[in-house]
């Protein structure tokens, strides 16, 4: 399984909960949210490689450090009767850098997910640095259950996240609250400095004004080069060969979405290209929900047996979200 597909599996934990509405108590004791900062070298500022991040040790997630292997860690079930083991994975897509502790060297912010065998998938934010040229985890904090990052900024020593997270009235399956939250790196670890600033709820207007570039999904082989644009209830884009148009229908439930789409051109582009394009359009017609993952738009669609799968779109560079 590829690194990207392993990361996308984390969306499916939340998507599956949304479709099946399975809710049960986790019964898991709270873990430490932060880890104490470590003094790092001010002379080593090389950014971490993917290999270093995928094989680093991370604290603040469990009671003892977790050592990833190729981007993931598989533990044991937390409680008797839970079949699935603890899984921790490094998430792709977002990496920010900046001086967070005023030492003149850059730190790096990455994200991990943890699932303990239940419906919850917890998002963690980790700060990485270097000591004697080696990558190390300086601090880690739990952001929330099934929280999704819409954007990440490091500025003037502060980490600012725009998030999709659970609101007070949300069902356990479906976070809908938009919030901006800010952390700083202190001697005690990552400290949240600004109370959760609620920015409204998940709404169709968030999708407008952006050309979304299709980057793949949990089902490979569809829509190479495809794009998607929303304009109120209208959609349009390229399936990789032909243009298409259609209609997006939203309900009163935040995030619920259905799509009707058909080709507006009829060009011939080769057997494989046409096959991929037709499959992409078929998946769009099965979409039931939209959300976010690591700065990207996600469209959750259902297989004929009701199993959820995910399509992932990146905003075109320079486009406002």
Protein backbone atom coordinates (compact mmCIF):
# COMPACT_ATOMS: atom_id res chain seq x y z
CA UNK A 1 0.00 0.00 0.00
CA UNK A 2 1.39 3.42 -0.95
CA UNK A 3 2.17 6.12 1.61
CA UNK A 4 -0.69 8.27 0.24
CA UNK A 5 -3.23 5.44 0.33
CA UNK A 6 -2.23 4.56 3.90
CA UNK A 7 -2.88 8.18 4.86
CA UNK A 8 -6.22 8.21 3.04
CA UNK A 9 -7.30 5.22 5.11
CA UNK A 10 -7.62 7.65 8.03
CA UNK A 11 -10.34 9.55 6.21
CA UNK A 12 -12.23 6.31 5.79
CA UNK A 13 -12.44 5.77 9.55
CA UNK A 14 -14.46 8.98 9.76
CA UNK A 15 -16.30 8.36 6.48
CA UNK A 16 -17.35 4.87 7.58
CA UNK A 17 -18.70 6.32 10.82
CA UNK A 18 -20.68 8.88 8.80
CA UNK A 19 -22.32 6.18 6.69
CA UNK A 20 -22.98 3.58 9.36
CA UNK A 21 -23.47 5.93 12.33
CA UNK A 22 -21.70 3.47 14.61
CA UNK A 23 -21.12 5.11 17.98
CA UNK A 24 -19.63 3.46 21.01
CA UNK A 25 -17.58 4.50 23.98
CA UNK A 26 -13.84 4.34 23.46
CA UNK A 27 -13.09 3.69 27.11
CA UNK A 28 -9.50 4.80 26.57
CA UNK A 29 -7.61 6.69 29.26
CA UNK A 30 -6.45 10.16 28.26
CA UNK A 31 -2.86 10.38 27.13
CA UNK A 32 -0.38 13.17 27.70
CA UNK A 33 -1.06 16.00 25.22
CA UNK A 34 2.38 17.54 25.13
CA UNK A 35 6.00 16.63 25.55
CA UNK A 36 8.73 18.83 26.97
CA UNK A 37 10.89 20.77 24.51
CA UNK A 38 14.43 19.61 23.84
CA UNK A 39 17.30 22.00 23.23
CA UNK A 40 18.26 21.82 19.58
CA UNK A 41 21.22 22.94 17.55
CA UNK A 42 21.07 26.38 15.92
CA UNK A 43 23.47 25.34 13.19
CA UNK A 44 21.54 22.44 11.68
CA UNK A 45 18.66 23.83 9.62
CA UNK A 46 18.29 21.26 6.87
CA UNK A 47 14.63 20.30 6.42
CA UNK A 48 13.71 16.74 7.35
CA UNK A 49 13.47 14.21 4.56
CA UNK A 50 10.36 12.09 4.06
CA UNK A 51 12.37 9.06 5.14
CA UNK A 52 13.43 10.77 8.39
CA UNK A 53 9.86 11.75 9.25
CA UNK A 54 8.49 8.31 8.39
CA UNK A 55 11.01 6.58 10.66
CA UNK A 56 11.26 9.03 13.56
CA UNK A 57 10.17 8.53 17.18
CA UNK A 58 7.23 10.61 18.44
CA UNK A 59 6.29 11.38 22.06
CA UNK A 60 3.05 12.73 23.53
CA UNK A 61 0.78 10.26 21.72
CA UNK A 62 1.11 7.28 24.03
CA UNK A 63 2.65 6.82 27.47
CA UNK A 64 5.98 5.96 25.85
CA UNK A 65 7.61 7.14 22.60
CA UNK A 66 6.26 5.66 19.37
CA UNK A 67 8.77 4.66 16.70
CA UNK A 68 7.34 4.78 13.18
CA UNK A 69 8.45 2.39 10.46
CA UNK A 70 7.84 3.61 6.92
CA UNK A 71 5.32 6.13 8.25
CA UNK A 72 3.24 3.89 10.50
CA UNK A 73 3.08 2.06 13.81
CA UNK A 74 0.83 -0.87 14.72
CA UNK A 75 0.39 -1.63 18.40
CA UNK A 76 -2.01 -3.80 20.36
CA UNK A 77 -5.71 -3.29 21.20
CA UNK A 78 -6.26 -0.96 24.15
CA UNK A 79 -9.15 -2.95 25.63
CA UNK A 80 -10.26 -6.61 25.64
CA UNK A 81 -12.83 -7.32 22.96
CA UNK A 82 -11.52 -4.71 20.51
CA UNK A 83 -10.25 -6.56 17.47
CA UNK A 84 -8.37 -3.73 15.79
CA UNK A 85 -4.95 -2.72 17.17
CA UNK A 86 -3.74 0.80 17.83
CA UNK A 87 -2.57 2.43 14.59
CA UNK A 88 -0.51 5.61 14.29
CA UNK A 89 0.37 7.09 10.92
CA UNK A 90 2.24 10.11 9.63
CA UNK A 91 -0.07 12.15 7.39
CA UNK A 92 1.05 13.46 4.04
CA UNK A 93 0.28 16.78 2.36
CA UNK A 94 1.21 19.42 4.95
CA UNK A 95 4.67 20.46 6.19
CA UNK A 96 5.39 23.98 7.48
CA UNK A 97 8.65 25.48 8.72
CA UNK A 98 9.56 28.43 10.91
CA UNK A 99 11.47 29.45 14.05
CA UNK A 100 9.12 28.59 16.91
CA UNK A 101 11.43 29.03 19.93
CA UNK A 102 13.57 32.04 18.96
CA UNK A 103 16.86 30.13 18.65
CA UNK A 104 17.42 31.14 15.04
CA UNK A 105 16.88 27.63 13.67
CA UNK A 106 13.81 26.37 11.85
CA UNK A 107 11.42 23.86 13.34
CA UNK A 108 8.99 21.80 11.27
CA UNK A 109 5.33 21.02 11.87
CA UNK A 110 3.81 17.69 10.76
CA UNK A 111 0.63 15.76 11.58
CA UNK A 112 -0.12 12.22 12.71
CA UNK A 113 -3.31 10.24 13.25
CA UNK A 114 -4.09 7.66 15.90
CA UNK A 115 -6.89 5.09 15.87
CA UNK A 116 -7.39 2.79 18.83
CA UNK A 117 -9.75 0.30 17.22
CA UNK A 118 -12.95 2.35 17.59
CA UNK A 119 -14.67 5.01 15.49
CA UNK A 120 -12.43 7.83 16.72
CA UNK A 121 -9.36 8.92 14.77
CA UNK A 122 -7.32 11.47 16.72
CA UNK A 123 -5.26 14.15 15.00
CA UNK A 124 -1.89 15.11 16.52
CA UNK A 125 0.42 17.98 15.62
CA UNK A 126 4.16 17.43 16.10
CA UNK A 127 7.08 19.87 16.04
CA UNK A 128 10.30 18.44 14.65
CA UNK A 129 13.85 19.80 14.94
CA UNK A 130 17.47 18.68 14.72
CA UNK A 131 20.09 17.89 17.32
CA UNK A 132 23.62 17.15 16.13
CA UNK A 133 22.19 16.74 12.63
CA UNK A 134 19.59 14.14 13.63
CA UNK A 135 15.85 14.66 13.41
CA UNK A 136 13.94 14.67 16.71
CA UNK A 137 10.44 15.28 18.01
CA UNK A 138 10.45 18.43 20.17
CA UNK A 139 6.77 18.52 21.17
CA UNK A 140 3.45 16.91 20.28
CA UNK A 141 -0.15 17.90 21.04
CA UNK A 142 -3.52 16.28 20.41
CA UNK A 143 -5.66 18.54 18.20
CA UNK A 144 -8.90 16.59 18.34
CA UNK A 145 -10.99 13.59 17.33
CA UNK A 146 -11.51 13.46 13.55
CA UNK A 147 -10.34 17.07 13.25
CA UNK A 148 -9.24 17.98 9.71
CA UNK A 149 -6.75 20.71 8.76
CA UNK A 150 -7.91 23.19 6.12
CA UNK A 151 -4.78 25.38 6.30
CA UNK A 152 -1.54 25.71 8.28
CA UNK A 153 0.54 28.88 8.81
CA UNK A 154 3.66 29.56 10.91
CA UNK A 155 4.23 33.26 11.52
CA UNK A 156 6.02 35.21 14.27
CA UNK A 157 6.59 32.07 16.31
CA UNK A 158 2.94 31.01 16.23
CA UNK A 159 1.26 28.02 14.59
CA UNK A 160 -2.19 28.84 13.22
CA UNK A 161 -4.54 26.10 12.08
CA UNK A 162 -7.84 26.51 10.26
CA UNK A 163 -9.75 23.37 11.17
CA UNK A 164 -12.88 21.38 10.57
CA UNK A 165 -13.78 19.94 13.98
CA UNK A 166 -16.66 18.79 16.15
CA UNK A 167 -19.19 21.36 17.35
CA UNK A 168 -21.36 21.08 20.44
CA UNK A 169 -24.39 19.84 18.48
CA UNK A 170 -22.61 17.61 15.96
CA UNK A 171 -23.36 13.91 15.69
CA UNK A 172 -20.46 11.65 16.57
CA UNK A 173 -20.04 10.79 12.90
CA UNK A 174 -19.92 14.22 11.34
CA UNK A 175 -17.82 17.24 12.42
CA UNK A 176 -19.13 20.49 10.95
CA UNK A 177 -17.58 23.34 12.94
CA UNK A 178 -14.96 25.62 11.36
CA UNK A 179 -12.43 27.04 13.81
CA UNK A 180 -9.10 28.89 13.92
CA UNK A 181 -6.71 27.82 16.69
CA UNK A 182 -3.23 29.09 17.62
CA UNK A 183 -0.31 27.40 19.44
CA UNK A 184 3.14 28.51 20.56
CA UNK A 185 6.13 26.39 21.53
CA UNK A 186 7.01 26.91 25.20
CA UNK A 187 9.35 25.13 27.62
CA UNK A 188 6.40 22.98 28.72
CA UNK A 189 5.53 22.01 25.14
CA UNK A 190 2.94 23.23 22.64
CA UNK A 191 0.54 25.64 24.36
CA UNK A 192 -2.75 26.77 22.82
CA UNK A 193 -2.74 30.57 23.10
CA UNK A 194 -6.05 31.58 21.59
CA UNK A 195 -9.34 30.02 22.57
CA UNK A 196 -11.04 28.16 19.77
CA UNK A 197 -12.28 30.91 17.47
CA UNK A 198 -15.36 29.54 15.79
CA UNK A 199 -15.68 30.61 12.17
CA UNK A 200 -19.07 29.10 11.32
CA UNK A 201 -20.04 25.69 9.98
CA UNK A 202 -19.23 23.59 6.93
CA UNK A 203 -21.13 25.18 4.03
CA UNK A 204 -21.26 25.01 0.21
CA UNK A 205 -19.79 28.51 -0.22
CA UNK A 206 -16.41 27.17 0.94
CA UNK A 207 -16.13 25.21 -2.30
CA UNK A 208 -16.62 28.18 -4.61
CA UNK A 209 -13.95 30.35 -6.22
CA UNK A 210 -11.40 27.52 -6.37
CA UNK A 211 -10.36 25.19 -9.14
CA UNK A 212 -9.90 21.83 -7.47
CA UNK A 213 -7.30 19.53 -9.01
CA UNK A 214 -7.99 15.81 -8.64
CA UNK A 215 -5.04 14.03 -7.01
CA UNK A 216 -6.45 10.55 -6.60
CA UNK A 217 -8.33 8.46 -4.12
CA UNK A 218 -8.59 5.10 -2.44
CA UNK A 219 -9.61 3.58 -5.80
CA UNK A 220 -6.78 4.07 -8.34
CA UNK A 221 -7.06 4.52 -12.09
CA UNK A 222 -9.59 7.26 -12.61
CA UNK A 223 -9.58 10.90 -13.68
CA UNK A 224 -5.93 11.65 -14.49
CA UNK A 225 -5.74 15.43 -14.97
CA UNK A 226 -9.35 15.98 -13.87
CA UNK A 227 -10.55 19.25 -12.34
CA UNK A 228 -13.67 20.40 -10.48
CA UNK A 229 -15.17 23.87 -9.97
CA UNK A 230 -18.25 24.82 -7.92
CA UNK A 231 -20.45 27.84 -8.70
CA UNK A 232 -23.35 27.77 -6.27
CA UNK A 233 -25.40 24.72 -7.35
CA UNK A 234 -23.51 24.33 -10.64
CA UNK A 235 -20.34 22.32 -11.22
CA UNK A 236 -17.98 22.08 -14.18
CA UNK A 237 -14.52 20.83 -15.00
CA UNK A 238 -12.41 18.50 -17.08
CA UNK A 239 -12.53 14.73 -16.82
CA UNK A 240 -8.99 14.58 -18.19
CA UNK A 241 -10.15 14.66 -21.81
CA UNK A 242 -13.64 16.14 -22.19
CA UNK A 243 -15.30 19.00 -20.36
CA UNK A 244 -18.26 18.15 -18.12
CA UNK A 245 -21.03 20.05 -16.38
CA UNK A 246 -23.58 19.22 -13.74
CA UNK A 247 -25.44 20.13 -10.58
CA UNK A 248 -24.46 19.95 -6.91
CA UNK A 249 -27.26 19.47 -4.40
CA UNK A 250 -26.76 20.26 -0.71
CA UNK A 251 -29.03 19.46 2.24
CA UNK A 252 -29.54 21.16 5.58
CA UNK A 253 -27.06 18.71 7.11
CA UNK A 254 -23.60 20.34 6.93
CA UNK A 255 -21.36 18.55 4.44
CA UNK A 256 -24.02 16.42 2.75
CA UNK A 257 -23.72 16.60 -1.03
CA UNK A 258 -24.92 14.84 -4.18
CA UNK A 259 -23.70 15.45 -7.72
CA UNK A 260 -25.13 14.97 -11.19
CA UNK A 261 -22.52 15.27 -13.96
CA UNK A 262 -22.34 14.57 -17.69
CA UNK A 263 -19.93 15.35 -20.51
CA UNK A 264 -20.38 18.58 -22.44
CA UNK A 265 -17.80 17.56 -25.08
CA UNK A 266 -17.44 14.34 -27.03
CA UNK A 267 -13.76 14.10 -27.97
CA UNK A 268 -11.98 10.80 -28.48
CA UNK A 269 -8.81 10.57 -26.37
CA UNK A 270 -7.79 6.94 -26.46
CA UNK A 271 -9.26 3.88 -24.79
CA UNK A 272 -7.49 4.24 -21.42
CA UNK A 273 -8.13 7.99 -21.13
CA UNK A 274 -11.81 7.51 -21.90
CA UNK A 275 -12.08 4.63 -19.43
CA UNK A 276 -10.48 6.72 -16.66
CA UNK A 277 -12.67 9.72 -17.45
CA UNK A 278 -15.88 7.68 -17.38
CA UNK A 279 -14.90 6.14 -14.05
CA UNK A 280 -14.14 9.58 -12.59
CA UNK A 281 -17.57 10.87 -13.60
CA UNK A 282 -19.21 7.75 -12.20
CA UNK A 283 -17.55 8.35 -8.83
CA UNK A 284 -18.72 11.98 -8.80
CA UNK A 285 -22.30 10.75 -9.24
CA UNK A 286 -21.93 8.59 -6.12
CA UNK A 287 -20.67 11.38 -3.84
CA UNK A 288 -22.57 11.76 -0.55
CA UNK A 289 -20.42 14.15 1.49
CA UNK A 290 -17.59 16.68 1.35
CA UNK A 291 -14.93 17.51 3.93
CA UNK A 292 -11.23 18.28 4.29
CA UNK A 293 -7.98 16.42 4.81
CA UNK A 294 -4.51 17.95 5.16
CA UNK A 295 -5.46 21.12 3.25
CA UNK A 296 -7.29 19.22 0.51
CA UNK A 297 -10.97 18.83 -0.34
CA UNK A 298 -12.35 15.31 0.11
CA UNK A 299 -15.47 13.92 -1.54
CA UNK A 300 -16.77 10.74 0.08
CA UNK A 301 -18.62 8.39 -2.28
CA UNK A 302 -20.35 5.08 -1.69
CA UNK A 303 -19.80 1.75 -3.36
CA UNK A 304 -22.88 -0.29 -4.27
CA UNK A 305 -22.64 -2.17 -0.97
CA UNK A 306 -22.56 1.12 0.96
CA UNK A 307 -18.83 1.06 1.71
CA UNK A 308 -17.38 4.60 1.69
CA UNK A 309 -14.40 5.59 -0.45
CA UNK A 310 -12.68 8.95 -0.90
CA UNK A 311 -11.72 11.28 -3.74
CA UNK A 312 -9.10 13.93 -2.92
CA UNK A 313 -8.70 17.34 -4.58
CA UNK A 314 -5.97 19.96 -4.13
CA UNK A 315 -6.74 23.68 -4.59
CA UNK A 316 -4.97 25.12 -7.61
CA UNK A 317 -1.84 26.96 -6.48
CA UNK A 318 -2.63 30.61 -5.80
CA UNK A 319 -6.38 30.01 -5.50
CA UNK A 320 -8.12 31.39 -2.44
CA UNK A 321 -9.90 28.86 -0.24
